[in-house]
Amino acid sequence: MAASHEDDNNQKKNDWSATQYLKFNTERTRPVFDLISRITPHLSQTRNPNIYDLGCGPGNSASILLSAFPSASLTGLDSSPDMLAKARATLQTAEFIQGDLSTFTPAPDADVVFSNAAFHWLRRGQRVPTLVRIFESLKPGAVLAVQMPDNYTEPSHALMRDVAVTPSKPWSSYLSSNSSVRVGDLTDTTRPDLDPVETPAEWYNAFTATSAAASVDIWRTTYQHVLQDARAIVEWVKGTGLQPFLQRMPEGEEGRAVREAFLNEYEERLKERYRPLGDGKVLLGYPRLFMVVVRK
């Protein structure tokens, strides 16, 4: 019988868990260092930069930003109370506020708007207009620096959808075609699975069409994370992409049993696609899209 996947801390159903997210903090912050390395040259003449960290999570990216730019004034934004509580407890030198990515506008004196793994949560019809709007609000010389997971077709995420629509399962009434949720249907903006991220060409065209961009730098990297086994992949995505699926399931004993069945099935599918390496571990391929856009 598979061991329990349930969190010991009994987190609130519709909030994120900072503890779960930080289980893979080292792997999650690698893109932060890569993104910072590309914005540092643009801040060489800025003594006390004003930085906004959008989708700041538990403050891990904010901490790295302040290490790179010690004289900066940093404001972190997130929608999760648990993430913000963790950020405030661990980093008193920054301000952390609760807010919505889709409606947020930085202050006119912002030098950098930074975002690590947040804007992929917006839907396709909303994502490009939101980032273009934020970029156009920036002052001349300011920098928009964004990283988003680009893993819609990766087995780790495709299998979420496959398991969700498997018929005659304990979770079927909450996630499959006989419910009101249309998993995998991009026209259903209420479904739990996320939209594919736009291509580099789409992003380039969107920013250059504004006539406000001095430069547009876009690249895509696939990280190869060495994890202990398929169970570790489950634990990774329990802190992110699986959250909307799990949140649709009921609370109490019934909900725990349904979530457990779903996670066990998902893990078995992962074992088929992520075969053990020579030492028994697995490689989780994780593509990410990066953009650094400088305002004229």
Protein backbone atom coordinates (compact mmCIF):
# COMPACT_ATOMS: atom_id res chain seq x y z
CA MET A 1 0.00 0.00 0.00
CA ALA A 2 1.37 3.44 -0.90
CA ALA A 3 2.43 5.70 1.94
CA SER A 4 0.34 8.79 2.68
CA HIS A 5 0.89 11.94 0.62
CA GLU A 6 -1.12 14.14 2.99
CA ASP A 7 0.63 17.14 4.56
CA ASP A 8 1.16 16.93 8.30
CA ASN A 9 0.40 20.61 8.83
CA ASN A 10 -3.26 20.38 7.65
CA GLN A 11 -2.95 23.53 5.56
CA LYS A 12 -5.94 25.62 4.59
CA LYS A 13 -7.57 24.07 1.56
CA ASN A 14 -7.44 27.04 -0.79
CA ASP A 15 -4.11 28.54 0.23
CA TRP A 16 -0.62 27.60 -0.78
CA SER A 17 1.82 26.00 1.66
CA ALA A 18 5.15 27.76 2.04
CA THR A 19 6.53 24.66 3.76
CA GLN A 20 5.59 22.42 0.84
CA TYR A 21 6.98 24.91 -1.68
CA LEU A 22 10.32 25.24 0.11
CA LYS A 23 10.98 21.49 0.10
CA PHE A 24 12.73 22.13 -3.22
CA ASN A 25 14.01 25.61 -2.52
CA THR A 26 17.46 25.01 -4.07
CA GLU A 27 15.98 23.83 -7.35
CA ARG A 28 13.31 26.55 -7.42
CA THR A 29 15.80 29.37 -6.92
CA ARG A 30 18.26 28.37 -9.65
CA PRO A 31 16.34 30.43 -12.23
CA VAL A 32 16.44 33.43 -9.88
CA PHE A 33 20.24 33.53 -10.04
CA ASP A 34 20.16 33.11 -13.83
CA LEU A 35 17.67 35.95 -14.26
CA ILE A 36 19.53 38.28 -11.89
CA SER A 37 22.75 37.76 -13.84
CA ARG A 38 21.06 39.25 -16.92
CA ILE A 39 19.63 42.33 -15.20
CA THR A 40 22.75 43.29 -13.22
CA PRO A 41 24.40 45.13 -16.17
CA HIS A 42 21.31 47.32 -16.55
CA LEU A 43 21.56 48.48 -12.91
CA SER A 44 25.26 49.38 -12.86
CA GLN A 45 24.45 53.12 -12.65
CA THR A 46 21.52 52.77 -10.23
CA ARG A 47 22.69 53.23 -6.64
CA ASN A 48 19.50 52.41 -4.73
CA PRO A 49 17.18 50.52 -7.07
CA ASN A 50 13.49 50.14 -6.33
CA ILE A 51 12.62 46.51 -7.03
CA TYR A 52 9.22 44.84 -7.17
CA ASP A 53 9.16 41.05 -6.80
CA LEU A 54 5.81 39.87 -8.21
CA GLY A 55 4.63 36.47 -7.04
CA CYS A 56 7.31 36.60 -4.35
CA GLY A 57 6.18 33.42 -2.59
CA PRO A 58 7.90 32.77 0.76
CA GLY A 59 10.58 35.39 0.11
CA ASN A 60 13.26 33.14 -1.36
CA SER A 61 13.66 35.23 -4.52
CA ALA A 62 13.48 38.48 -2.54
CA SER A 63 16.33 37.33 -0.33
CA ILE A 64 18.53 36.61 -3.36
CA LEU A 65 17.63 39.93 -4.95
CA LEU A 66 18.66 41.82 -1.81
CA SER A 67 21.92 39.87 -1.66
CA ALA A 68 22.64 40.92 -5.24
CA PHE A 69 21.51 44.52 -4.68
CA PRO A 70 22.08 45.26 -0.95
CA SER A 71 21.08 48.92 -1.23
CA ALA A 72 17.79 48.18 -2.97
CA SER A 73 14.33 48.95 -1.69
CA LEU A 74 12.27 45.83 -2.31
CA THR A 75 8.51 45.23 -2.32
CA GLY A 76 7.19 41.69 -2.68
CA LEU A 77 3.68 40.92 -3.89
CA ASP A 78 1.80 37.64 -3.55
CA SER A 79 -1.79 36.45 -3.27
CA SER A 80 -1.12 33.73 -0.66
CA PRO A 81 -1.38 34.66 3.05
CA ASP A 82 0.78 31.66 4.03
CA MET A 83 3.52 32.62 1.58
CA LEU A 84 3.47 36.23 2.75
CA ALA A 85 3.60 35.22 6.42
CA LYS A 86 6.72 33.15 5.74
CA ALA A 87 8.31 35.97 3.73
CA ARG A 88 7.67 38.57 6.45
CA ALA A 89 9.01 36.27 9.16
CA THR A 90 12.26 35.56 7.35
CA LEU A 91 13.04 38.89 5.67
CA GLN A 92 12.30 42.00 7.69
CA THR A 93 14.25 44.33 5.38
CA ALA A 94 11.61 44.17 2.63
CA GLU A 95 7.94 45.07 2.39
CA PHE A 96 5.48 42.32 1.48
CA ILE A 97 1.95 43.03 0.34
CA GLN A 98 -1.00 40.92 -0.75
CA GLY A 99 -2.27 41.58 -4.25
CA ASP A 100 -3.34 40.33 -7.67
CA LEU A 101 -0.82 40.00 -10.51
CA SER A 102 -3.44 40.81 -13.11
CA THR A 103 -4.31 44.24 -11.68
CA PHE A 104 -1.05 45.33 -10.06
CA THR A 105 0.79 48.43 -11.28
CA PRO A 106 4.22 49.32 -9.83
CA ALA A 107 5.01 52.77 -8.49
CA PRO A 108 6.38 55.28 -11.04
CA ASP A 109 9.87 55.09 -9.49
CA ALA A 110 10.28 51.33 -10.04
CA ASP A 111 13.67 50.40 -11.49
CA VAL A 112 13.03 46.65 -11.77
CA VAL A 113 9.88 44.57 -11.93
CA PHE A 114 11.02 41.01 -11.27
CA SER A 115 8.97 37.83 -11.33
CA ASN A 116 10.10 34.25 -10.81
CA ALA A 117 7.51 31.58 -11.66
CA ALA A 118 4.28 33.51 -11.24
CA PHE A 119 2.82 34.80 -14.50
CA HIS A 120 2.21 31.32 -15.92
CA TRP A 121 -0.71 31.20 -13.47
CA LEU A 122 -2.59 33.78 -15.55
CA ARG A 123 -4.64 32.56 -18.51
CA ARG A 124 -3.44 33.09 -22.10
CA GLY A 125 -5.89 35.90 -22.82
CA GLN A 126 -4.70 37.78 -19.77
CA ARG A 127 -0.99 37.07 -19.51
CA VAL A 128 0.47 39.05 -22.43
CA PRO A 129 -1.73 42.15 -21.95
CA THR A 130 -0.92 42.23 -18.23
CA LEU A 131 2.84 42.09 -18.69
CA VAL A 132 2.78 44.58 -21.56
CA ARG A 133 0.68 46.95 -19.43
CA ILE A 134 3.13 46.66 -16.53
CA PHE A 135 6.07 47.20 -18.88
CA GLU A 136 4.54 50.30 -20.47
CA SER A 137 3.98 51.79 -17.00
CA LEU A 138 7.72 51.73 -16.26
CA LYS A 139 9.96 54.77 -16.46
CA PRO A 140 12.73 55.04 -19.09
CA GLY A 141 15.63 52.68 -18.35
CA ALA A 142 13.60 50.46 -16.04
CA VAL A 143 13.74 46.68 -16.49
CA LEU A 144 11.07 43.99 -16.63
CA ALA A 145 12.60 40.60 -15.79
CA VAL A 146 10.34 37.54 -15.86
CA GLN A 147 10.76 33.77 -15.67
CA MET A 148 7.91 31.31 -16.21
CA PRO A 149 7.81 27.51 -16.24
CA ASP A 150 7.10 26.33 -19.78
CA ASN A 151 6.16 22.72 -19.08
CA TYR A 152 2.61 22.26 -20.38
CA THR A 153 3.64 19.29 -22.54
CA GLU A 154 6.13 17.78 -20.07
CA PRO A 155 5.07 14.37 -18.63
CA SER A 156 4.97 15.84 -15.12
CA HIS A 157 2.14 18.15 -16.16
CA ALA A 158 0.50 16.24 -19.00
CA LEU A 159 -0.02 13.32 -16.62
CA MET A 160 -1.93 15.57 -14.22
CA ARG A 161 -4.51 16.07 -16.95
CA ASP A 162 -4.50 12.41 -17.98
CA VAL A 163 -5.11 11.20 -14.44
CA ALA A 164 -7.76 13.86 -13.80
CA VAL A 165 -9.93 12.68 -16.73
CA THR A 166 -9.56 8.95 -16.05
CA PRO A 167 -13.15 7.68 -15.71
CA SER A 168 -14.72 5.77 -12.81
CA LYS A 169 -12.21 6.94 -10.22
CA PRO A 170 -12.84 8.40 -6.75
CA TRP A 171 -11.99 11.88 -8.07
CA SER A 172 -13.98 11.62 -11.32
CA SER A 173 -17.01 13.55 -10.06
CA TYR A 174 -14.73 16.49 -9.21
CA LEU A 175 -12.39 16.55 -12.22
CA SER A 176 -13.51 14.43 -15.18
CA SER A 177 -15.94 14.98 -18.02
CA ASN A 178 -18.99 14.10 -15.93
CA SER A 179 -18.29 17.16 -13.75
CA SER A 180 -18.48 20.83 -14.71
CA VAL A 181 -14.69 20.95 -15.15
CA ARG A 182 -13.25 20.54 -18.65
CA VAL A 183 -9.64 19.56 -17.95
CA GLY A 184 -7.45 20.20 -20.99
CA ASP A 185 -10.01 22.42 -22.73
CA LEU A 186 -8.26 25.76 -23.21
CA THR A 187 -11.61 27.53 -23.64
CA ASP A 188 -12.54 26.71 -20.04
CA THR A 189 -10.77 29.36 -17.96
CA THR A 190 -12.01 27.82 -14.69
CA ARG A 191 -10.32 24.45 -15.17
CA PRO A 192 -7.51 23.46 -12.76
CA ASP A 193 -4.79 22.88 -15.38
CA LEU A 194 -2.76 25.88 -16.51
CA ASP A 195 -2.50 27.26 -20.05
CA PRO A 196 0.56 26.74 -22.27
CA VAL A 197 2.98 29.66 -22.11
CA GLU A 198 3.22 31.81 -25.25
CA THR A 199 6.13 31.20 -27.63
CA PRO A 200 9.25 33.41 -27.61
CA ALA A 201 8.09 34.89 -30.95
CA GLU A 202 4.73 35.87 -29.45
CA TRP A 203 6.43 37.58 -26.54
CA TYR A 204 8.94 39.36 -28.76
CA ASN A 205 6.20 40.66 -31.04
CA ALA A 206 4.10 41.80 -28.10
CA PHE A 207 6.86 43.90 -26.54
CA THR A 208 8.28 45.34 -29.76
CA ALA A 209 4.80 46.30 -30.93
CA THR A 210 4.57 48.79 -28.05
CA SER A 211 7.48 50.88 -29.42
CA ALA A 212 8.52 51.25 -25.77
CA ALA A 213 11.20 48.57 -25.68
CA ALA A 214 14.87 49.52 -25.94
CA SER A 215 15.81 45.83 -25.94
CA VAL A 216 14.05 42.47 -25.68
CA ASP A 217 16.11 39.49 -24.50
CA ILE A 218 14.34 36.10 -24.50
CA TRP A 219 15.71 32.64 -23.85
CA ARG A 220 14.52 29.19 -22.83
CA THR A 221 16.36 26.77 -20.54
CA THR A 222 15.52 23.19 -19.59
CA TYR A 223 16.84 22.36 -16.13
CA GLN A 224 17.54 18.72 -15.33
CA HIS A 225 16.76 18.28 -11.65
CA VAL A 226 18.02 15.10 -9.99
CA LEU A 227 15.31 13.90 -7.61
CA GLN A 228 15.12 10.88 -5.36
CA ASP A 229 12.26 9.12 -7.16
CA ALA A 230 8.77 9.57 -8.63
CA ARG A 231 7.43 10.32 -5.16
CA ALA A 232 9.72 13.35 -5.05
CA ILE A 233 8.20 14.64 -8.30
CA VAL A 234 4.77 14.37 -6.67
CA GLU A 235 6.02 16.34 -3.68
CA TRP A 236 7.48 18.99 -6.00
CA VAL A 237 4.27 19.65 -7.92
CA LYS A 238 2.07 19.36 -4.81
CA GLY A 239 3.47 22.78 -3.95
CA THR A 240 2.52 24.27 -7.32
CA GLY A 241 0.76 22.76 -10.35
CA LEU A 242 -1.25 20.13 -8.47
CA GLN A 243 -2.74 22.66 -6.08
CA PRO A 244 -5.76 23.63 -8.26
CA PHE A 245 -6.60 19.94 -8.81
CA LEU A 246 -6.41 19.07 -5.12
CA GLN A 247 -8.35 22.15 -4.07
CA ARG A 248 -11.38 20.94 -6.06
CA MET A 249 -11.69 17.88 -3.88
CA PRO A 250 -13.80 17.93 -0.69
CA GLU A 251 -12.49 18.47 2.81
CA GLY A 252 -12.62 16.01 5.70
CA GLU A 253 -12.08 12.25 5.61
CA GLU A 254 -13.74 11.87 2.21
CA GLY A 255 -11.49 14.50 0.69
CA ARG A 256 -8.36 12.97 2.15
CA ALA A 257 -9.21 9.59 0.64
CA VAL A 258 -9.97 11.11 -2.76
CA ARG A 259 -6.76 13.15 -2.82
CA GLU A 260 -4.76 10.13 -1.70
CA ALA A 261 -6.18 8.00 -4.51
CA PHE A 262 -5.48 10.72 -7.07
CA LEU A 263 -1.89 11.23 -5.92
CA ASN A 264 -1.17 7.50 -5.84
CA GLU A 265 -2.45 7.08 -9.40
CA TYR A 266 -0.42 10.10 -10.53
CA GLU A 267 2.71 8.67 -8.92
CA GLU A 268 2.25 5.32 -10.67
CA ARG A 269 1.95 7.09 -14.02
CA LEU A 270 5.09 9.09 -13.27
CA LYS A 271 7.03 5.88 -12.58
CA GLU A 272 6.26 4.76 -16.13
CA ARG A 273 7.66 7.95 -17.69
CA TYR A 274 10.54 8.82 -15.34
CA ARG A 275 12.68 5.70 -15.31
CA PRO A 276 15.33 5.28 -12.59
CA LEU A 277 18.89 6.29 -13.33
CA GLY A 278 21.87 4.08 -12.50
CA ASP A 279 21.71 5.10 -8.85
CA GLY A 280 17.93 4.79 -8.63
CA LYS A 281 17.19 8.51 -8.83
CA VAL A 282 15.22 10.25 -11.59
CA LEU A 283 15.74 13.30 -13.80
CA LEU A 284 12.95 15.86 -13.84
CA GLY A 285 13.25 17.97 -16.98
CA TYR A 286 11.90 21.45 -16.26
CA PRO A 287 11.77 23.99 -19.13
CA ARG A 288 11.57 27.67 -18.23
CA LEU A 289 11.11 30.79 -20.36
CA PHE A 290 13.04 33.97 -19.49
CA MET A 291 12.54 37.56 -20.62
CA VAL A 292 14.45 40.75 -19.86
CA VAL A 293 12.92 43.84 -21.45
CA VAL A 294 14.36 47.34 -21.02
CA ARG A 295 12.17 50.44 -21.27
CA LYS A 296 13.13 53.24 -23.66
